[in-house]
Amino acid sequence: MPDNTTPADHSTHDADEDIRNRDIKIYVNGELVHRDDAKVSVYDSGFLLGDGMWEGMRLYNGKWAFFDEHMDRFFDSCKAVSLDVGMDRAGILDALTRTATANGMTHDVHCRLMLTRGIKAKPFQHPRLSRSGPTLVIIMEHSRPVESLLSQGIRLASVPQVRGLPHSQDAKFNSHSKLNCVIACLQAEQAGADEALMLDPLGFVNTTNACNFFIVRKGAVWTSTGDYCMNGVTRQKVIDLCHANAIPCFEKNFSLYEAYSADEAFLTGTFGAQTLVASIDGKVIGDGNRPVTALLRALYKELVVRTTG
């Protein structure tokens, strides 16, 4: 039977309220300060230009899930834009550990690790104006997805804003410059949806404004080629789990035609893991049964426990 429950208004990053987050300590260039006192300069290149890279990670049982994969992406991205991290992976891990310890955090924690090119001598674009070294900020919060994300899912709307070509701004960069995605999200909200389903420059289904996108058709899992989307760590884990468990999985071009008529659809991301998609452009996805998504959720949860337990 179709699931006629009307999804709640929410985004893929809506979390349960946790009053402990009102007094968290935030890491700012080696110092741990109360969130109300955590500040960066108005001359910081991240504030002025969005010149920086970031990573989202989750802490389970005192361990960072898929830490090496996140660091691969983070350091590769920084190298590609000549952004000096200022420390090695062990230094990053130490900063993360200090921040978690200061906040008494061990489980169901979400972290946003942010690095910018630092404070500029003048408020202009050229990278050489950033002369004081990078700015590193770590925000950690007690964070669990709201129940409606697990049970009801997200309403998507396809939007005019597309994922760009690699030689304009490569979507593989997890950069501070997110205006492209913000515009897409605004377009989706104005269409009455929760978030945006973005196409690639050729018109094929690509990703949402915040997460990677998958559909299920006749038991097979489809996702985009990955040419125009964030190379998500959770995305790759789902692909790997499919291959390891004899679930057909294809990275391929497909259009809204296949997405509208999919049996299931879900999003992947570090925060929500696998988030259901309830509808696309007002069209309900499937009949309410989501066996493949349920299986992948269970396999992913087992993987997290196995690697962090």
Protein backbone atom coordinates (compact mmCIF):
# COMPACT_ATOMS: atom_id res chain seq x y z
CA MET A 1 0.00 0.00 0.00
CA PRO A 2 1.26 3.52 -0.73
CA ASP A 3 2.57 5.53 2.18
CA ASN A 4 0.35 8.61 2.24
CA THR A 5 1.94 10.13 5.32
CA THR A 6 2.81 13.74 4.66
CA PRO A 7 6.51 14.27 5.44
CA ALA A 8 7.42 16.93 7.95
CA ASP A 9 9.22 20.07 6.86
CA HIS A 10 12.89 19.44 7.52
CA SER A 11 16.32 19.25 5.95
CA THR A 12 18.78 16.39 5.71
CA HIS A 13 20.72 17.85 8.65
CA ASP A 14 17.91 18.39 11.15
CA ALA A 15 18.94 17.00 14.53
CA ASP A 16 17.21 16.40 17.85
CA GLU A 17 17.59 19.31 20.25
CA ASP A 18 20.36 18.66 22.78
CA ILE A 19 20.82 21.28 25.50
CA ARG A 20 24.43 20.20 26.00
CA ASN A 21 25.26 21.97 22.74
CA ARG A 22 24.54 25.33 24.35
CA ASP A 23 27.84 25.16 26.22
CA ILE A 24 30.18 23.38 23.84
CA LYS A 25 33.81 24.37 23.47
CA ILE A 26 35.10 25.07 19.97
CA TYR A 27 38.65 24.68 18.71
CA VAL A 28 40.02 27.85 17.10
CA ASN A 29 43.67 27.71 16.07
CA GLY A 30 44.75 25.62 19.03
CA GLU A 31 42.56 27.29 21.65
CA LEU A 32 39.37 25.78 23.09
CA VAL A 33 36.76 28.45 23.80
CA HIS A 34 33.06 28.56 24.65
CA ARG A 35 30.88 28.73 21.56
CA ASP A 36 29.83 32.28 22.44
CA ASP A 37 33.47 33.36 22.33
CA ALA A 38 34.50 31.43 19.20
CA LYS A 39 35.32 34.04 16.57
CA VAL A 40 37.41 34.56 13.47
CA SER A 41 38.53 37.84 11.92
CA VAL A 42 36.36 39.66 9.39
CA TYR A 43 39.57 39.66 7.33
CA ASP A 44 39.67 35.86 7.30
CA SER A 45 39.75 34.48 3.75
CA GLY A 46 36.97 32.05 4.60
CA PHE A 47 34.65 34.90 5.59
CA LEU A 48 35.71 37.21 2.78
CA LEU A 49 35.81 34.72 -0.10
CA GLY A 50 34.75 31.25 1.01
CA ASP A 51 38.39 30.28 0.50
CA GLY A 52 38.72 27.07 2.48
CA MET A 53 37.94 23.36 2.79
CA TRP A 54 35.98 21.41 5.37
CA GLU A 55 35.11 17.87 6.43
CA GLY A 56 32.08 16.47 8.23
CA MET A 57 32.77 13.46 10.44
CA ARG A 58 30.99 11.43 13.09
CA LEU A 59 32.26 10.05 16.39
CA TYR A 60 31.00 6.64 17.53
CA ASN A 61 32.21 4.79 20.62
CA GLY A 62 35.11 7.20 20.96
CA LYS A 63 36.36 6.64 17.39
CA TRP A 64 35.97 8.68 14.21
CA ALA A 65 34.15 6.69 11.56
CA PHE A 66 36.23 6.26 8.39
CA PHE A 67 38.85 8.74 9.57
CA ASP A 68 41.42 7.77 6.93
CA GLU A 69 38.97 8.23 4.07
CA HIS A 70 37.93 11.66 5.35
CA MET A 71 41.57 12.69 5.72
CA ASP A 72 42.33 11.46 2.20
CA ARG A 73 39.67 13.78 0.82
CA PHE A 74 40.60 16.68 3.08
CA PHE A 75 44.32 16.64 2.36
CA ASP A 76 43.81 15.97 -1.37
CA SER A 77 41.45 18.94 -1.60
CA CYS A 78 43.80 21.25 0.27
CA LYS A 79 46.73 20.21 -1.91
CA ALA A 80 44.71 20.83 -5.07
CA VAL A 81 44.13 24.47 -4.09
CA SER A 82 47.59 25.02 -2.55
CA LEU A 83 46.15 25.37 0.95
CA ASP A 84 48.74 24.54 3.61
CA VAL A 85 47.05 22.56 6.38
CA GLY A 86 49.81 23.45 8.81
CA MET A 87 49.89 19.99 10.41
CA ASP A 88 49.82 16.33 9.43
CA ARG A 89 47.06 13.77 10.00
CA ALA A 90 48.32 13.01 13.49
CA GLY A 91 48.05 16.71 14.30
CA ILE A 92 44.47 16.83 13.04
CA LEU A 93 43.60 13.74 15.09
CA ASP A 94 45.15 15.31 18.18
CA ALA A 95 43.09 18.49 17.67
CA LEU A 96 39.95 16.40 17.27
CA THR A 97 40.75 14.37 20.39
CA ARG A 98 41.41 17.51 22.46
CA THR A 99 38.08 19.00 21.34
CA ALA A 100 36.09 15.84 22.05
CA THR A 101 37.73 15.43 25.47
CA ALA A 102 37.06 19.06 26.42
CA ASN A 103 33.39 18.50 25.63
CA GLY A 104 33.09 15.05 27.19
CA MET A 105 31.99 13.64 23.83
CA THR A 106 32.28 9.97 22.86
CA HIS A 107 29.22 8.93 20.82
CA ASP A 108 26.64 10.34 18.37
CA VAL A 109 28.79 13.39 17.79
CA HIS A 110 29.01 15.35 14.55
CA CYS A 111 32.11 17.34 13.73
CA ARG A 112 32.71 20.08 11.21
CA LEU A 113 36.43 20.53 10.60
CA MET A 114 37.12 23.79 8.74
CA LEU A 115 40.34 25.19 7.32
CA THR A 116 40.72 28.54 5.56
CA ARG A 117 43.68 30.30 3.98
CA GLY A 118 43.73 32.58 7.01
CA ILE A 119 43.65 36.29 7.72
CA LYS A 120 44.26 38.59 4.77
CA ALA A 121 46.30 41.78 4.84
CA LYS A 122 43.62 43.53 2.76
CA PRO A 123 40.05 42.54 1.88
CA PHE A 124 40.85 41.42 -1.66
CA GLN A 125 41.02 38.16 -3.57
CA HIS A 126 44.67 37.33 -4.23
CA PRO A 127 45.88 34.35 -2.13
CA ARG A 128 49.19 36.09 -1.41
CA LEU A 129 47.28 38.53 0.79
CA SER A 130 46.79 35.66 3.28
CA ARG A 131 50.08 35.96 5.15
CA SER A 132 49.50 34.76 8.71
CA GLY A 133 48.95 31.07 8.08
CA PRO A 134 45.75 29.02 7.96
CA THR A 135 42.74 29.24 10.27
CA LEU A 136 41.60 25.89 11.70
CA VAL A 137 38.22 25.62 13.44
CA ILE A 138 36.57 22.48 14.83
CA ILE A 139 32.90 22.49 15.84
CA MET A 140 31.56 19.37 17.56
CA GLU A 141 27.96 18.86 18.59
CA HIS A 142 25.94 16.13 20.23
CA SER A 143 23.86 15.28 17.20
CA ARG A 144 21.31 12.65 16.17
CA PRO A 145 19.02 12.92 13.12
CA VAL A 146 15.38 13.69 13.92
CA GLU A 147 13.10 10.66 13.79
CA SER A 148 11.13 12.00 10.80
CA LEU A 149 14.24 11.74 8.63
CA LEU A 150 14.38 8.02 9.36
CA SER A 151 10.68 7.28 8.94
CA GLN A 152 9.19 9.82 6.52
CA GLY A 153 12.02 11.05 4.37
CA ILE A 154 12.81 14.13 2.35
CA ARG A 155 10.79 15.85 -0.37
CA LEU A 156 12.99 16.81 -3.30
CA ALA A 157 12.40 19.21 -6.18
CA SER A 158 14.47 19.25 -9.35
CA VAL A 159 15.87 22.74 -9.82
CA PRO A 160 17.44 24.91 -12.55
CA GLN A 161 20.73 25.27 -10.67
CA VAL A 162 23.13 22.55 -11.86
CA ARG A 163 26.36 21.02 -10.65
CA GLY A 164 29.18 22.71 -12.54
CA LEU A 165 31.89 21.45 -14.83
CA PRO A 166 35.17 20.43 -13.19
CA HIS A 167 37.02 23.30 -14.86
CA SER A 168 34.64 25.92 -13.44
CA GLN A 169 34.49 24.75 -9.82
CA ASP A 170 34.93 21.05 -9.37
CA ALA A 171 32.04 19.65 -7.32
CA LYS A 172 34.48 17.20 -5.72
CA PHE A 173 35.82 20.06 -3.59
CA ASN A 174 34.20 20.19 -0.15
CA SER A 175 34.85 23.91 -0.19
CA HIS A 176 33.52 26.75 1.91
CA SER A 177 32.17 28.21 -1.34
CA LYS A 178 28.67 26.69 -1.28
CA LEU A 179 26.62 29.40 -3.01
CA ASN A 180 25.83 27.04 -5.88
CA CYS A 181 24.19 24.63 -3.43
CA VAL A 182 22.53 27.39 -1.41
CA ILE A 183 20.84 28.73 -4.57
CA ALA A 184 19.64 25.22 -5.40
CA CYS A 185 18.22 24.79 -1.89
CA LEU A 186 16.39 28.13 -2.15
CA GLN A 187 14.90 27.10 -5.48
CA ALA A 188 13.66 23.84 -3.94
CA GLU A 189 12.11 25.60 -0.94
CA GLN A 190 10.37 28.04 -3.27
CA ALA A 191 8.96 25.01 -5.10
CA GLY A 192 7.56 23.67 -1.80
CA ALA A 193 10.16 20.95 -1.24
CA ASP A 194 12.69 20.33 1.51
CA GLU A 195 15.83 20.19 -0.61
CA ALA A 196 17.02 20.28 -4.21
CA LEU A 197 17.74 17.51 -6.67
CA MET A 198 20.44 18.88 -8.92
CA LEU A 199 21.25 17.78 -12.46
CA ASP A 200 24.65 17.71 -14.11
CA PRO A 201 25.59 19.92 -17.09
CA LEU A 202 24.26 17.25 -19.47
CA GLY A 203 20.86 17.09 -17.77
CA PHE A 204 21.34 13.79 -15.96
CA VAL A 205 20.40 13.34 -12.29
CA ASN A 206 23.40 14.07 -10.13
CA THR A 207 23.07 14.90 -6.43
CA THR A 208 21.13 17.02 -3.99
CA ASN A 209 22.31 20.35 -2.62
CA ALA A 210 23.68 18.56 0.45
CA CYS A 211 23.93 14.79 -0.13
CA ASN A 212 24.59 12.10 -2.70
CA PHE A 213 21.54 10.58 -4.39
CA PHE A 214 20.62 6.94 -5.07
CA ILE A 215 17.62 5.16 -6.57
CA VAL A 216 16.58 1.52 -6.53
CA ARG A 217 14.96 -0.08 -9.59
CA LYS A 218 14.00 -3.75 -9.65
CA GLY A 219 16.40 -4.56 -6.85
CA ALA A 220 19.37 -2.75 -8.42
CA VAL A 221 20.96 0.37 -6.90
CA TRP A 222 21.76 3.29 -9.22
CA THR A 223 23.73 6.45 -8.54
CA SER A 224 25.39 9.04 -10.75
CA THR A 225 28.74 8.51 -12.46
CA GLY A 226 30.33 10.69 -9.78
CA ASP A 227 31.82 13.02 -12.39
CA TYR A 228 29.96 16.10 -11.11
CA CYS A 229 29.31 15.36 -7.45
CA MET A 230 31.05 15.35 -4.09
CA ASN A 231 33.01 12.11 -3.75
CA GLY A 232 31.15 11.29 -0.56
CA VAL A 233 32.70 8.88 1.92
CA THR A 234 29.26 7.44 2.81
CA ARG A 235 28.43 7.23 -0.91
CA GLN A 236 31.48 5.06 -1.51
CA LYS A 237 30.76 2.89 1.53
CA VAL A 238 27.26 2.17 0.19
CA ILE A 239 28.67 1.26 -3.23
CA ASP A 240 31.25 -1.02 -1.57
CA LEU A 241 28.57 -2.66 0.59
CA CYS A 242 26.47 -3.36 -2.50
CA HIS A 243 29.39 -5.06 -4.24
CA ALA A 244 30.31 -7.05 -1.12
CA ASN A 245 26.74 -8.30 -0.60
CA ALA A 246 25.72 -9.18 -4.17
CA ILE A 247 23.43 -6.17 -4.55
CA PRO A 248 23.60 -4.95 -8.15
CA CYS A 249 24.96 -1.39 -8.15
CA PHE A 250 25.60 0.90 -11.09
CA GLU A 251 27.30 4.28 -11.35
CA LYS A 252 25.68 5.61 -14.50
CA ASN A 253 23.86 8.43 -16.23
CA PHE A 254 20.11 8.46 -15.72
CA SER A 255 17.38 11.06 -16.07
CA LEU A 256 14.44 12.26 -14.03
CA TYR A 257 12.36 9.72 -15.95
CA GLU A 258 14.08 6.84 -14.11
CA ALA A 259 14.11 8.74 -10.82
CA TYR A 260 10.36 9.45 -10.83
CA SER A 261 9.54 5.79 -11.46
CA ALA A 262 12.07 4.33 -9.01
CA ASP A 263 10.95 1.77 -6.44
CA GLU A 264 13.05 3.44 -3.72
CA ALA A 265 15.29 6.48 -3.39
CA PHE A 266 17.64 7.57 -0.64
CA LEU A 267 20.41 10.04 0.12
CA THR A 268 23.80 9.38 1.65
CA GLY A 269 25.85 11.66 3.89
CA THR A 270 27.98 11.56 7.00
CA PHE A 271 25.26 13.03 9.23
CA GLY A 272 22.19 11.08 8.15
CA ALA A 273 23.89 7.95 6.75
CA GLN A 274 21.00 6.87 4.52
CA THR A 275 18.01 9.24 4.39
CA LEU A 276 14.77 8.23 2.69
CA VAL A 277 13.42 10.22 -0.24
CA ALA A 278 9.64 10.49 -0.01
CA SER A 279 8.94 12.31 -3.26
CA ILE A 280 10.50 14.12 -6.20
CA ASP A 281 8.65 17.05 -7.77
CA GLY A 282 5.52 15.95 -5.89
CA LYS A 283 5.66 12.39 -7.24
CA VAL A 284 5.68 9.79 -4.46
CA ILE A 285 8.56 7.35 -4.79
CA GLY A 286 7.55 3.69 -4.74
CA ASP A 287 4.77 2.06 -2.77
CA GLY A 288 6.12 2.59 0.74
CA ASN A 289 8.17 -0.61 0.81
CA ARG A 290 11.93 -0.02 0.92
CA PRO A 291 13.63 -3.40 1.35
CA VAL A 292 16.91 -2.52 -0.36
CA THR A 293 17.29 0.73 1.57
CA ALA A 294 16.51 -1.10 4.82
CA LEU A 295 19.13 -3.73 4.03
CA LEU A 296 21.77 -1.12 3.21
CA ARG A 297 20.97 0.78 6.40
CA ALA A 298 21.51 -2.39 8.42
CA LEU A 299 24.73 -3.24 6.60
CA TYR A 300 26.06 0.29 7.05
CA LYS A 301 25.22 0.28 10.76
CA GLU A 302 27.08 -3.03 11.12
CA LEU A 303 30.05 -1.53 9.28
CA VAL A 304 30.17 1.46 11.63
CA VAL A 305 30.02 -0.82 14.68
CA ARG A 306 32.68 -3.11 13.24
CA THR A 307 35.08 -0.26 12.54
CA THR A 308 34.47 1.86 15.65
CA GLY A 309 33.28 -0.60 18.27
